[in-house]
Amino acid sequence: MDDVQMQLLVDLHKSQFRQGPGGEAETKRAMELAGLDRSRHLKIADIGCGTGASTILLASELDAEMTAVDFLPELLDELQARAKDHGVDVGHDATRKRIANQGGLKGRRTNSGLQTRI
């Protein structure tokens, strides 16, 4: 995929609340079916998180350290802005993007984009 195609992909998805099927009810149902133990601190990865609709919901509903991964850093930038809007604390340090919700969201660039922790 060339730079123009990548930018088209970013432009298409960045403003969308969710990049895939389902919604809040389906995310909550998946939590239920997974049998998550809400009484303990969890570590959860959201691979292909997009702008973070599910990531933010999980971080809000659970005592969890979330790792959000997407190959488009621009979508992770949007996730950080949206997380702040939804009451998930956002901060920055010199080398990493950081969002915190009872744990912390840390990000680092990888060959395939940016990984972020909530």
C-alpha atoms as a PDB file:
ATOM      1  CA  MET A   1       0.000   0.000   0.000  1.00  0.00           C
ATOM      2  CA  ASP A   2       1.493   3.361  -0.995  1.00  0.00           C
ATOM      3  CA  ASP A   3       1.333   6.583   1.035  1.00  0.00           C
ATOM      4  CA  VAL A   4      -1.715   7.905  -0.839  1.00  0.00           C
ATOM      5  CA  GLN A   5      -3.658   4.705  -0.205  1.00  0.00           C
ATOM      6  CA  MET A   6      -2.645   4.724   3.464  1.00  0.00           C
ATOM      7  CA  GLN A   7      -3.842   8.305   3.837  1.00  0.00           C
ATOM      8  CA  LEU A   8      -7.143   7.389   2.176  1.00  0.00           C
ATOM      9  CA  LEU A   9      -7.529   4.543   4.692  1.00  0.00           C
ATOM     10  CA  VAL A  10      -6.839   6.911   7.593  1.00  0.00           C
ATOM     11  CA  ASP A  11      -9.227   9.541   6.217  1.00  0.00           C
ATOM     12  CA  LEU A  12     -11.974   6.942   5.773  1.00  0.00           C
ATOM     13  CA  HIS A  13     -11.757   5.527   9.294  1.00  0.00           C
ATOM     14  CA  LYS A  14     -10.448   8.236  11.619  1.00  0.00           C
ATOM     15  CA  SER A  15     -13.780  10.032  12.028  1.00  0.00           C
ATOM     16  CA  GLN A  16     -15.763   6.819  12.535  1.00  0.00           C
ATOM     17  CA  PHE A  17     -16.578   5.833  16.116  1.00  0.00           C
ATOM     18  CA  ARG A  18     -16.128   2.126  15.347  1.00  0.00           C
ATOM     19  CA  GLN A  19     -14.262   0.580  12.431  1.00  0.00           C
ATOM     20  CA  GLY A  20     -15.803  -2.882  12.643  1.00  0.00           C
ATOM     21  CA  PRO A  21     -19.123  -4.591  13.235  1.00  0.00           C
ATOM     22  CA  GLY A  22     -20.991  -4.667  16.529  1.00  0.00           C
ATOM     23  CA  GLY A  23     -21.342  -2.061  19.201  1.00  0.00           C
ATOM     24  CA  GLU A  24     -21.352  -1.502  22.945  1.00  0.00           C
ATOM     25  CA  ALA A  25     -23.893  -4.271  23.583  1.00  0.00           C
ATOM     26  CA  GLU A  26     -21.772  -6.787  21.669  1.00  0.00           C
ATOM     27  CA  THR A  27     -18.629  -5.768  23.545  1.00  0.00           C
ATOM     28  CA  LYS A  28     -20.422  -6.185  26.874  1.00  0.00           C
ATOM     29  CA  ARG A  29     -21.766  -9.572  25.734  1.00  0.00           C
ATOM     30  CA  ALA A  30     -18.238 -10.662  24.782  1.00  0.00           C
ATOM     31  CA  MET A  31     -17.067  -9.667  28.280  1.00  0.00           C
ATOM     32  CA  GLU A  32     -19.869 -11.768  29.728  1.00  0.00           C
ATOM     33  CA  LEU A  33     -19.105 -14.785  27.533  1.00  0.00           C
ATOM     34  CA  ALA A  34     -15.386 -14.524  28.316  1.00  0.00           C
ATOM     35  CA  GLY A  35     -16.191 -14.995  32.004  1.00  0.00           C
ATOM     36  CA  LEU A  36     -13.938 -12.135  33.058  1.00  0.00           C
ATOM     37  CA  ASP A  37     -13.274 -12.018  36.789  1.00  0.00           C
ATOM     38  CA  ARG A  38     -14.248  -8.447  37.653  1.00  0.00           C
ATOM     39  CA  SER A  39     -12.829  -8.862  41.164  1.00  0.00           C
ATOM     40  CA  ARG A  40      -9.207  -8.825  39.974  1.00  0.00           C
ATOM     41  CA  HIS A  41      -6.943  -6.612  37.929  1.00  0.00           C
ATOM     42  CA  LEU A  42      -6.814  -7.795  34.308  1.00  0.00           C
ATOM     43  CA  LYS A  43      -4.462  -7.328  31.360  1.00  0.00           C
ATOM     44  CA  ILE A  44      -6.288  -7.183  28.032  1.00  0.00           C
ATOM     45  CA  ALA A  45      -5.021  -6.596  24.472  1.00  0.00           C
ATOM     46  CA  ASP A  46      -7.229  -5.000  21.836  1.00  0.00           C
ATOM     47  CA  ILE A  47      -5.470  -5.896  18.579  1.00  0.00           C
ATOM     48  CA  GLY A  48      -6.648  -3.825  15.636  1.00  0.00           C
ATOM     49  CA  CYS A  49      -8.267  -1.344  18.014  1.00  0.00           C
ATOM     50  CA  GLY A  50      -8.874   1.411  15.485  1.00  0.00           C
ATOM     51  CA  THR A  51     -10.073   4.521  17.286  1.00  0.00           C
ATOM     52  CA  GLY A  52     -10.733   2.518  20.434  1.00  0.00           C
ATOM     53  CA  ALA A  53     -14.498   2.105  20.843  1.00  0.00           C
ATOM     54  CA  SER A  54     -14.096  -1.295  22.520  1.00  0.00           C
ATOM     55  CA  THR A  55     -10.834  -0.358  24.225  1.00  0.00           C
ATOM     56  CA  ILE A  56     -12.404   2.634  25.970  1.00  0.00           C
ATOM     57  CA  LEU A  57     -15.490   0.644  26.998  1.00  0.00           C
ATOM     58  CA  LEU A  58     -13.350  -2.148  28.481  1.00  0.00           C
ATOM     59  CA  ALA A  59     -11.139   0.352  30.305  1.00  0.00           C
ATOM     60  CA  SER A  60     -14.232   2.039  31.720  1.00  0.00           C
ATOM     61  CA  GLU A  61     -15.976  -1.171  32.781  1.00  0.00           C
ATOM     62  CA  LEU A  62     -13.057  -3.175  34.168  1.00  0.00           C
ATOM     63  CA  ASP A  63     -10.088  -2.831  36.475  1.00  0.00           C
ATOM     64  CA  ALA A  64      -7.782  -3.562  33.562  1.00  0.00           C
ATOM     65  CA  GLU A  65      -4.536  -2.571  31.946  1.00  0.00           C
ATOM     66  CA  MET A  66      -5.426  -2.361  28.272  1.00  0.00           C
ATOM     67  CA  THR A  67      -2.956  -2.694  25.422  1.00  0.00           C
ATOM     68  CA  ALA A  68      -4.352  -1.161  22.246  1.00  0.00           C
ATOM     69  CA  VAL A  69      -2.563  -1.977  18.991  1.00  0.00           C
ATOM     70  CA  ASP A  70      -3.227  -0.702  15.496  1.00  0.00           C
ATOM     71  CA  PHE A  71      -1.032  -0.295  12.424  1.00  0.00           C
ATOM     72  CA  LEU A  72      -2.313   3.239  11.843  1.00  0.00           C
ATOM     73  CA  PRO A  73      -0.820   5.619  14.432  1.00  0.00           C
ATOM     74  CA  GLU A  74      -3.371   8.287  13.473  1.00  0.00           C
ATOM     75  CA  LEU A  75      -6.170   6.052  14.765  1.00  0.00           C
ATOM     76  CA  LEU A  76      -4.333   5.636  18.062  1.00  0.00           C
ATOM     77  CA  ASP A  77      -3.998   9.420  18.294  1.00  0.00           C
ATOM     78  CA  GLU A  78      -7.778   9.576  17.897  1.00  0.00           C
ATOM     79  CA  LEU A  79      -8.171   6.840  20.560  1.00  0.00           C
ATOM     80  CA  GLN A  80      -6.201   8.977  22.996  1.00  0.00           C
ATOM     81  CA  ALA A  81      -8.379  12.026  22.350  1.00  0.00           C
ATOM     82  CA  ARG A  82     -11.565   9.987  22.706  1.00  0.00           C
ATOM     83  CA  ALA A  83     -10.314   8.279  25.864  1.00  0.00           C
ATOM     84  CA  LYS A  84      -9.810  11.673  27.460  1.00  0.00           C
ATOM     85  CA  ASP A  85     -13.331  12.701  26.383  1.00  0.00           C
ATOM     86  CA  HIS A  86     -14.691   9.557  28.089  1.00  0.00           C
ATOM     87  CA  GLY A  87     -12.931  10.182  31.388  1.00  0.00           C
ATOM     88  CA  VAL A  88      -9.953   7.914  30.822  1.00  0.00           C
ATOM     89  CA  ASP A  89      -6.973   9.973  31.994  1.00  0.00           C
ATOM     90  CA  VAL A  90      -4.527  11.009  29.275  1.00  0.00           C
ATOM     91  CA  GLY A  91      -0.996  12.249  29.708  1.00  0.00           C
ATOM     92  CA  HIS A  92       2.236  12.371  27.710  1.00  0.00           C
ATOM     93  CA  ASP A  93       5.923  11.902  28.364  1.00  0.00           C
ATOM     94  CA  ALA A  94       8.891  12.641  26.109  1.00  0.00           C
ATOM     95  CA  THR A  95       9.122   9.255  24.442  1.00  0.00           C
ATOM     96  CA  ARG A  96       5.708   7.631  24.822  1.00  0.00           C
ATOM     97  CA  LYS A  97       2.060   8.418  24.578  1.00  0.00           C
ATOM     98  CA  ARG A  98       0.353   7.569  27.809  1.00  0.00           C
ATOM     99  CA  ILE A  99      -3.251   7.079  28.862  1.00  0.00           C
ATOM    100  CA  ALA A 100      -4.088   5.875  32.348  1.00  0.00           C
ATOM    101  CA  ASN A 101      -7.157   4.227  33.800  1.00  0.00           C
ATOM    102  CA  GLN A 102      -6.360   2.342  37.013  1.00  0.00           C
ATOM    103  CA  GLY A 103      -3.155   1.110  35.393  1.00  0.00           C
ATOM    104  CA  GLY A 104      -1.744   3.115  32.562  1.00  0.00           C
ATOM    105  CA  LEU A 105      -1.700   3.386  28.822  1.00  0.00           C
ATOM    106  CA  LYS A 106       1.768   3.485  27.375  1.00  0.00           C
ATOM    107  CA  GLY A 107       2.592   3.597  23.712  1.00  0.00           C
ATOM    108  CA  ARG A 108       5.641   2.866  21.636  1.00  0.00           C
ATOM    109  CA  ARG A 109       6.211   2.844  17.928  1.00  0.00           C
ATOM    110  CA  THR A 110       6.627  -0.564  16.355  1.00  0.00           C
ATOM    111  CA  ASN A 111       7.295  -1.544  12.755  1.00  0.00           C
ATOM    112  CA  SER A 112       3.567  -1.944  12.266  1.00  0.00           C
ATOM    113  CA  GLY A 113       2.337   1.243  13.902  1.00  0.00           C
ATOM    114  CA  LEU A 114       1.892   2.211  17.497  1.00  0.00           C
ATOM    115  CA  GLN A 115       1.088   0.128  20.508  1.00  0.00           C
ATOM    116  CA  THR A 116      -0.708   1.840  23.320  1.00  0.00           C
ATOM    117  CA  ARG A 117      -1.552   0.708  26.822  1.00  0.00           C
ATOM    118  CA  ILE A 118      -4.589   1.776  28.787  1.00  0.00           C
END
